[in-house]
Amino acid sequence: MSGVTQEAMRGPSAWSVGDRELMAAFVARTNQCEFCTKAHSAVAQRAYSDGKTVSAVLSDLDTAALSEPLRATLLSLGKLTREHTVDADDMRAVFAAGASRQQIEDALAVCFSFNVIARLADAFGFAVPGPEAFEAGAKYLLARGYR
């Protein structure tokens, strides 16, 4: 799983590392996984050098200041995570917002990874440490990735 996650999160992509970490945090939040939401929010904040964007997206995706391709992609990832399905109309909306086929495939890889990881984190009862631990983890993940 670490190889799949490494490729999804740090492999070549038109999405930035911050975008992909935001996707991970968003999927985790949709799954109500506190550990993963806090962990990937911290990484996204460091990657973007901006905590406001991450907080805004997790609070209200509809009003957050985001590019339309990213917003539409997050909406589709949220639906996929909640309902376990997307359809042609969902994908047409993401294309219409300006995302490429490769960006959609890359986002789906992030979604897959963090649907699995968030569920495992909850199943194994990952402890939720304080902010300092998430900050240290964020530095590590940005420097070393998911190997």
C-alpha atoms as a PDB file:
ATOM      1  CA  MET A   1       0.000   0.000   0.000  1.00  0.00           C
ATOM      2  CA  SER A   2       2.898   2.360   0.650  1.00  0.00           C
ATOM      3  CA  GLY A   3       3.944   2.070  -3.010  1.00  0.00           C
ATOM      4  CA  VAL A   4       0.433   2.872  -4.233  1.00  0.00           C
ATOM      5  CA  THR A   5       0.194   5.815  -1.861  1.00  0.00           C
ATOM      6  CA  GLN A   6       3.676   7.091  -2.745  1.00  0.00           C
ATOM      7  CA  GLU A   7       2.772   7.065  -6.443  1.00  0.00           C
ATOM      8  CA  ALA A   8      -0.604   8.742  -5.852  1.00  0.00           C
ATOM      9  CA  MET A   9       0.777  11.419  -3.552  1.00  0.00           C
ATOM     10  CA  ARG A  10       4.257  12.084  -4.940  1.00  0.00           C
ATOM     11  CA  GLY A  11       4.315  10.599  -8.427  1.00  0.00           C
ATOM     12  CA  PRO A  12       4.113  12.770 -11.533  1.00  0.00           C
ATOM     13  CA  SER A  13       0.859  14.743 -11.662  1.00  0.00           C
ATOM     14  CA  ALA A  14      -0.552  18.047 -12.816  1.00  0.00           C
ATOM     15  CA  TRP A  15      -1.944  18.333  -9.265  1.00  0.00           C
ATOM     16  CA  SER A  16       0.483  19.874  -6.812  1.00  0.00           C
ATOM     17  CA  VAL A  17       1.546  18.049  -3.660  1.00  0.00           C
ATOM     18  CA  GLY A  18      -0.652  20.499  -1.743  1.00  0.00           C
ATOM     19  CA  ASP A  19      -3.639  19.687  -3.958  1.00  0.00           C
ATOM     20  CA  ARG A  20      -3.195  15.957  -3.435  1.00  0.00           C
ATOM     21  CA  GLU A  21      -2.743  16.359   0.316  1.00  0.00           C
ATOM     22  CA  LEU A  22      -5.899  18.479   0.360  1.00  0.00           C
ATOM     23  CA  MET A  23      -7.698  15.680  -1.492  1.00  0.00           C
ATOM     24  CA  ALA A  24      -6.457  13.211   1.133  1.00  0.00           C
ATOM     25  CA  ALA A  25      -7.673  15.462   3.962  1.00  0.00           C
ATOM     26  CA  PHE A  26     -11.024  15.951   2.209  1.00  0.00           C
ATOM     27  CA  VAL A  27     -11.551  12.207   1.705  1.00  0.00           C
ATOM     28  CA  ALA A  28     -10.551  11.593   5.328  1.00  0.00           C
ATOM     29  CA  ARG A  29     -12.967  14.283   6.510  1.00  0.00           C
ATOM     30  CA  THR A  30     -15.734  12.733   4.408  1.00  0.00           C
ATOM     31  CA  ASN A  31     -14.943   9.415   6.119  1.00  0.00           C
ATOM     32  CA  GLN A  32     -14.950  11.188   9.508  1.00  0.00           C
ATOM     33  CA  CYS A  33     -11.423   9.930  10.240  1.00  0.00           C
ATOM     34  CA  GLU A  34     -10.010  12.441  12.702  1.00  0.00           C
ATOM     35  CA  PHE A  35      -6.442  11.129  12.564  1.00  0.00           C
ATOM     36  CA  CYS A  36      -6.159  11.253   8.761  1.00  0.00           C
ATOM     37  CA  THR A  37      -8.005  14.569   8.482  1.00  0.00           C
ATOM     38  CA  LYS A  38      -5.606  16.233  10.911  1.00  0.00           C
ATOM     39  CA  ALA A  39      -2.531  14.544   9.465  1.00  0.00           C
ATOM     40  CA  HIS A  40      -3.210  15.476   5.841  1.00  0.00           C
ATOM     41  CA  SER A  41      -4.541  18.916   6.703  1.00  0.00           C
ATOM     42  CA  ALA A  42      -1.194  19.601   8.353  1.00  0.00           C
ATOM     43  CA  VAL A  43       0.715  18.391   5.290  1.00  0.00           C
ATOM     44  CA  ALA A  44      -1.501  20.388   2.899  1.00  0.00           C
ATOM     45  CA  GLN A  45      -1.075  23.522   5.009  1.00  0.00           C
ATOM     46  CA  ARG A  46       2.714  23.184   4.875  1.00  0.00           C
ATOM     47  CA  ALA A  47       2.700  22.373   1.170  1.00  0.00           C
ATOM     48  CA  TYR A  48       0.522  25.384   0.366  1.00  0.00           C
ATOM     49  CA  SER A  49       2.158  27.584   3.029  1.00  0.00           C
ATOM     50  CA  ASP A  50      -1.439  28.517   3.791  1.00  0.00           C
ATOM     51  CA  GLY A  51      -3.708  27.119   6.466  1.00  0.00           C
ATOM     52  CA  LYS A  52      -6.670  29.247   5.422  1.00  0.00           C
ATOM     53  CA  THR A  53      -7.314  27.416   2.159  1.00  0.00           C
ATOM     54  CA  VAL A  54      -7.283  24.013   3.817  1.00  0.00           C
ATOM     55  CA  SER A  55      -9.584  25.138   6.636  1.00  0.00           C
ATOM     56  CA  ALA A  56     -11.946  26.817   4.171  1.00  0.00           C
ATOM     57  CA  VAL A  57     -12.226  23.696   2.010  1.00  0.00           C
ATOM     58  CA  LEU A  58     -12.882  21.434   4.976  1.00  0.00           C
ATOM     59  CA  SER A  59     -15.437  23.879   6.386  1.00  0.00           C
ATOM     60  CA  ASP A  60     -17.342  24.740   3.210  1.00  0.00           C
ATOM     61  CA  LEU A  61     -16.119  23.523  -0.152  1.00  0.00           C
ATOM     62  CA  ASP A  62     -18.741  25.557  -2.019  1.00  0.00           C
ATOM     63  CA  THR A  63     -17.412  28.922  -0.796  1.00  0.00           C
ATOM     64  CA  ALA A  64     -13.687  28.124  -0.504  1.00  0.00           C
ATOM     65  CA  ALA A  65     -11.345  30.051  -2.814  1.00  0.00           C
ATOM     66  CA  LEU A  66     -10.244  27.254  -5.165  1.00  0.00           C
ATOM     67  CA  SER A  67      -9.735  26.649  -8.839  1.00  0.00           C
ATOM     68  CA  GLU A  68     -12.834  25.199 -10.451  1.00  0.00           C
ATOM     69  CA  PRO A  69     -11.076  22.000 -11.593  1.00  0.00           C
ATOM     70  CA  LEU A  70     -10.009  21.290  -8.001  1.00  0.00           C
ATOM     71  CA  ARG A  71     -13.434  22.132  -6.548  1.00  0.00           C
ATOM     72  CA  ALA A  72     -15.229  19.885  -9.066  1.00  0.00           C
ATOM     73  CA  THR A  73     -12.729  17.109  -8.442  1.00  0.00           C
ATOM     74  CA  LEU A  74     -13.196  17.317  -4.670  1.00  0.00           C
ATOM     75  CA  LEU A  75     -16.976  17.232  -5.127  1.00  0.00           C
ATOM     76  CA  SER A  76     -16.671  14.038  -7.157  1.00  0.00           C
ATOM     77  CA  LEU A  77     -14.277  12.485  -4.623  1.00  0.00           C
ATOM     78  CA  GLY A  78     -16.730  13.334  -1.852  1.00  0.00           C
ATOM     79  CA  LYS A  79     -19.573  11.659  -3.728  1.00  0.00           C
ATOM     80  CA  LEU A  80     -17.458   8.610  -4.504  1.00  0.00           C
ATOM     81  CA  THR A  81     -16.428   8.327  -0.853  1.00  0.00           C
ATOM     82  CA  ARG A  82     -19.973   8.742   0.508  1.00  0.00           C
ATOM     83  CA  GLU A  83     -21.952   6.840  -2.111  1.00  0.00           C
ATOM     84  CA  HIS A  84     -19.282   4.463  -3.482  1.00  0.00           C
ATOM     85  CA  THR A  85     -20.194   5.445  -7.033  1.00  0.00           C
ATOM     86  CA  VAL A  86     -19.856   8.172  -9.616  1.00  0.00           C
ATOM     87  CA  ASP A  87     -21.493   8.283 -13.022  1.00  0.00           C
ATOM     88  CA  ALA A  88     -20.860   9.800 -16.441  1.00  0.00           C
ATOM     89  CA  ASP A  89     -22.615  13.042 -15.440  1.00  0.00           C
ATOM     90  CA  ASP A  90     -20.284  13.399 -12.448  1.00  0.00           C
ATOM     91  CA  MET A  91     -17.254  12.987 -14.672  1.00  0.00           C
ATOM     92  CA  ARG A  92     -18.658  15.362 -17.306  1.00  0.00           C
ATOM     93  CA  ALA A  93     -18.940  18.020 -14.570  1.00  0.00           C
ATOM     94  CA  VAL A  94     -15.283  17.548 -13.646  1.00  0.00           C
ATOM     95  CA  PHE A  95     -14.216  17.753 -17.306  1.00  0.00           C
ATOM     96  CA  ALA A  96     -16.411  20.832 -17.827  1.00  0.00           C
ATOM     97  CA  ALA A  97     -14.686  22.506 -14.864  1.00  0.00           C
ATOM     98  CA  GLY A  98     -11.357  22.072 -16.665  1.00  0.00           C
ATOM     99  CA  ALA A  99      -9.785  18.944 -15.189  1.00  0.00           C
ATOM    100  CA  SER A 100      -7.992  16.627 -17.595  1.00  0.00           C
ATOM    101  CA  ARG A 101      -8.477  12.877 -17.826  1.00  0.00           C
ATOM    102  CA  GLN A 102      -5.071  12.373 -16.214  1.00  0.00           C
ATOM    103  CA  GLN A 103      -5.943  14.722 -13.350  1.00  0.00           C
ATOM    104  CA  ILE A 104      -9.139  12.757 -12.728  1.00  0.00           C
ATOM    105  CA  GLU A 105      -7.213   9.480 -12.741  1.00  0.00           C
ATOM    106  CA  ASP A 106      -4.623  10.945 -10.360  1.00  0.00           C
ATOM    107  CA  ALA A 107      -7.366  12.198  -8.019  1.00  0.00           C
ATOM    108  CA  LEU A 108      -9.056   8.799  -8.062  1.00  0.00           C
ATOM    109  CA  ALA A 109      -5.750   7.208  -6.999  1.00  0.00           C
ATOM    110  CA  VAL A 110      -5.576   9.613  -4.032  1.00  0.00           C
ATOM    111  CA  CYS A 111      -9.203   8.843  -3.206  1.00  0.00           C
ATOM    112  CA  PHE A 112      -8.556   5.106  -3.305  1.00  0.00           C
ATOM    113  CA  SER A 113      -5.500   5.361  -1.074  1.00  0.00           C
ATOM    114  CA  PHE A 114      -7.178   7.453   1.562  1.00  0.00           C
ATOM    115  CA  ASN A 115     -10.443   5.580   1.595  1.00  0.00           C
ATOM    116  CA  VAL A 116      -8.400   2.505   2.481  1.00  0.00           C
ATOM    117  CA  ILE A 117      -6.023   4.246   4.899  1.00  0.00           C
ATOM    118  CA  ALA A 118      -8.741   6.205   6.737  1.00  0.00           C
ATOM    119  CA  ARG A 119     -10.758   3.062   7.284  1.00  0.00           C
ATOM    120  CA  LEU A 120      -7.694   1.208   8.550  1.00  0.00           C
ATOM    121  CA  ALA A 121      -6.782   4.088  10.857  1.00  0.00           C
ATOM    122  CA  ASP A 122     -10.245   3.945  12.385  1.00  0.00           C
ATOM    123  CA  ALA A 123     -10.344   0.128  12.507  1.00  0.00           C
ATOM    124  CA  PHE A 124      -7.019   0.043  14.350  1.00  0.00           C
ATOM    125  CA  GLY A 125      -7.926   2.981  16.577  1.00  0.00           C
ATOM    126  CA  PHE A 126      -5.027   5.260  15.668  1.00  0.00           C
ATOM    127  CA  ALA A 127      -4.420   7.633  18.554  1.00  0.00           C
ATOM    128  CA  VAL A 128      -4.934  11.294  17.719  1.00  0.00           C
ATOM    129  CA  PRO A 129      -1.902  13.172  19.047  1.00  0.00           C
ATOM    130  CA  GLY A 130      -1.555  16.914  19.558  1.00  0.00           C
ATOM    131  CA  PRO A 131      -0.761  19.498  16.884  1.00  0.00           C
ATOM    132  CA  GLU A 132       3.003  19.239  17.429  1.00  0.00           C
ATOM    133  CA  ALA A 133       2.995  15.595  16.379  1.00  0.00           C
ATOM    134  CA  PHE A 134       0.985  16.360  13.237  1.00  0.00           C
ATOM    135  CA  GLU A 135       3.355  19.206  12.408  1.00  0.00           C
ATOM    136  CA  ALA A 136       6.356  16.880  12.764  1.00  0.00           C
ATOM    137  CA  GLY A 137       4.593  14.275  10.634  1.00  0.00           C
ATOM    138  CA  ALA A 138       3.832  16.891   7.986  1.00  0.00           C
ATOM    139  CA  LYS A 139       7.499  17.879   7.771  1.00  0.00           C
ATOM    140  CA  TYR A 140       8.456  14.216   7.420  1.00  0.00           C
ATOM    141  CA  LEU A 141       5.867  13.441   4.725  1.00  0.00           C
ATOM    142  CA  LEU A 142       6.858  16.479   2.704  1.00  0.00           C
ATOM    143  CA  ALA A 143      10.540  15.604   2.929  1.00  0.00           C
ATOM    144  CA  ARG A 144      10.357  11.814   2.531  1.00  0.00           C
ATOM    145  CA  GLY A 145       6.970  10.943   1.093  1.00  0.00           C
ATOM    146  CA  TYR A 146       5.075   7.744   1.827  1.00  0.00           C
ATOM    147  CA  ARG A 147       7.829   5.137   1.492  1.00  0.00           C
END
